[in-house]
Amino acid sequence: MQNFSGMIFSGELDQLQDSFYLTQVKNLHTASILLEKKLTELNHYLSNQEESCMITINDQIPILLQEQEVTELLADLTKIMEALKTI
């Protein structure tokens, strides 16, 4: 596994499983596995947001992302998905 530390997401890339093990969102610690399909869905969802939006961690903890944070998370997701294809 390869470590990833972005502006919003941090975790580990796992090319064998085509997944990202999410360990931190902003300043909140978590433990979630995001498969490539979920990463793509999240990317698509965020791409359609024009202002702030809400995401949840483990379907329990809501996190409000301001417009700039949405842009930052989109950049993180792009880097994660590109890295999964090249590891």
Protein backbone atom coordinates (compact mmCIF):
# COMPACT_ATOMS: atom_id res chain seq x y z
CA MET A 1 0.00 0.00 0.00
CA GLN A 2 1.05 3.56 -0.72
CA ASN A 3 0.27 6.47 1.60
CA PHE A 4 -1.72 9.42 0.32
CA SER A 5 -2.11 12.75 2.07
CA GLY A 6 -4.30 15.25 0.27
CA MET A 7 -5.95 18.50 1.24
CA ILE A 8 -9.17 16.82 2.46
CA PHE A 9 -8.62 13.02 2.27
CA SER A 10 -5.74 10.99 3.73
CA GLY A 11 -5.27 7.25 3.60
CA GLU A 12 -3.64 4.37 1.72
CA LEU A 13 -3.89 3.34 -1.92
CA ASP A 14 -4.33 -0.37 -2.67
CA GLN A 15 -4.01 -1.18 -6.37
CA LEU A 16 -4.54 -4.91 -5.83
CA GLN A 17 -8.05 -4.20 -4.56
CA ASP A 18 -8.58 -1.05 -6.69
CA SER A 19 -9.44 0.74 -3.47
CA PHE A 20 -8.53 3.58 -1.17
CA TYR A 21 -8.38 3.00 2.58
CA LEU A 22 -9.62 6.32 3.97
CA THR A 23 -8.11 7.17 7.36
CA GLN A 24 -8.87 10.89 7.67
CA VAL A 25 -11.35 13.45 6.30
CA LYS A 26 -10.27 17.00 7.09
CA ASN A 27 -9.31 16.65 10.77
CA LEU A 28 -11.56 13.66 11.58
CA HIS A 29 -10.12 10.16 11.81
CA THR A 30 -12.02 7.29 10.24
CA ALA A 31 -11.52 3.84 8.74
CA SER A 32 -13.36 3.23 5.48
CA ILE A 33 -12.55 1.41 2.27
CA LEU A 34 -13.61 3.20 -0.89
CA LEU A 35 -13.63 1.05 -4.01
CA GLU A 36 -12.92 2.65 -7.37
CA LYS A 37 -16.66 2.69 -8.15
CA LYS A 38 -17.40 4.73 -4.99
CA LEU A 39 -14.54 7.11 -5.74
CA THR A 40 -16.00 7.68 -9.20
CA GLU A 41 -19.51 8.21 -7.80
CA LEU A 42 -18.22 10.71 -5.23
CA ASN A 43 -16.26 12.52 -7.93
CA HIS A 44 -19.39 12.74 -10.11
CA TYR A 45 -21.52 13.97 -7.18
CA LEU A 46 -19.04 16.67 -6.20
CA SER A 47 -18.58 17.77 -9.81
CA ASN A 48 -22.28 18.66 -9.92
CA GLN A 49 -22.19 20.80 -6.76
CA GLU A 50 -22.10 24.54 -7.29
CA GLU A 51 -21.77 25.64 -3.68
CA SER A 52 -21.09 23.98 -0.36
CA CYS A 53 -22.29 20.43 0.17
CA MET A 54 -22.58 17.80 2.87
CA ILE A 55 -20.83 14.42 2.88
CA THR A 56 -20.98 11.79 5.60
CA ILE A 57 -18.31 9.59 7.13
CA ASN A 58 -19.44 6.02 7.68
CA ASP A 59 -23.03 7.18 7.01
CA GLN A 60 -23.05 8.74 10.47
CA ILE A 61 -20.98 11.91 10.76
CA PRO A 62 -22.01 14.76 8.45
CA ILE A 63 -19.27 17.08 7.24
CA LEU A 64 -20.02 20.38 5.55
CA LEU A 65 -17.63 21.17 2.71
CA GLN A 66 -17.38 24.77 1.62
CA GLU A 67 -17.03 25.54 -2.09
CA GLN A 68 -13.20 25.70 -1.88
CA GLU A 69 -13.08 22.38 0.02
CA VAL A 70 -15.24 20.75 -2.66
CA THR A 71 -12.65 21.87 -5.23
CA GLU A 72 -9.84 20.54 -3.04
CA LEU A 73 -11.57 17.18 -2.56
CA LEU A 74 -12.13 16.88 -6.30
CA ALA A 75 -8.38 17.40 -6.76
CA ASP A 76 -7.68 14.74 -4.11
CA LEU A 77 -10.04 12.28 -5.81
CA THR A 78 -8.40 12.87 -9.19
CA LYS A 79 -4.97 12.17 -7.71
CA ILE A 80 -6.23 9.05 -5.89
CA MET A 81 -7.89 7.60 -8.99
CA GLU A 82 -4.85 8.34 -11.16
CA ALA A 83 -2.52 6.78 -8.58
CA LEU A 84 -4.63 3.61 -8.39
CA LYS A 85 -4.15 3.17 -12.14
CA THR A 86 -0.36 3.65 -12.01
CA ILE A 87 0.82 1.96 -8.81
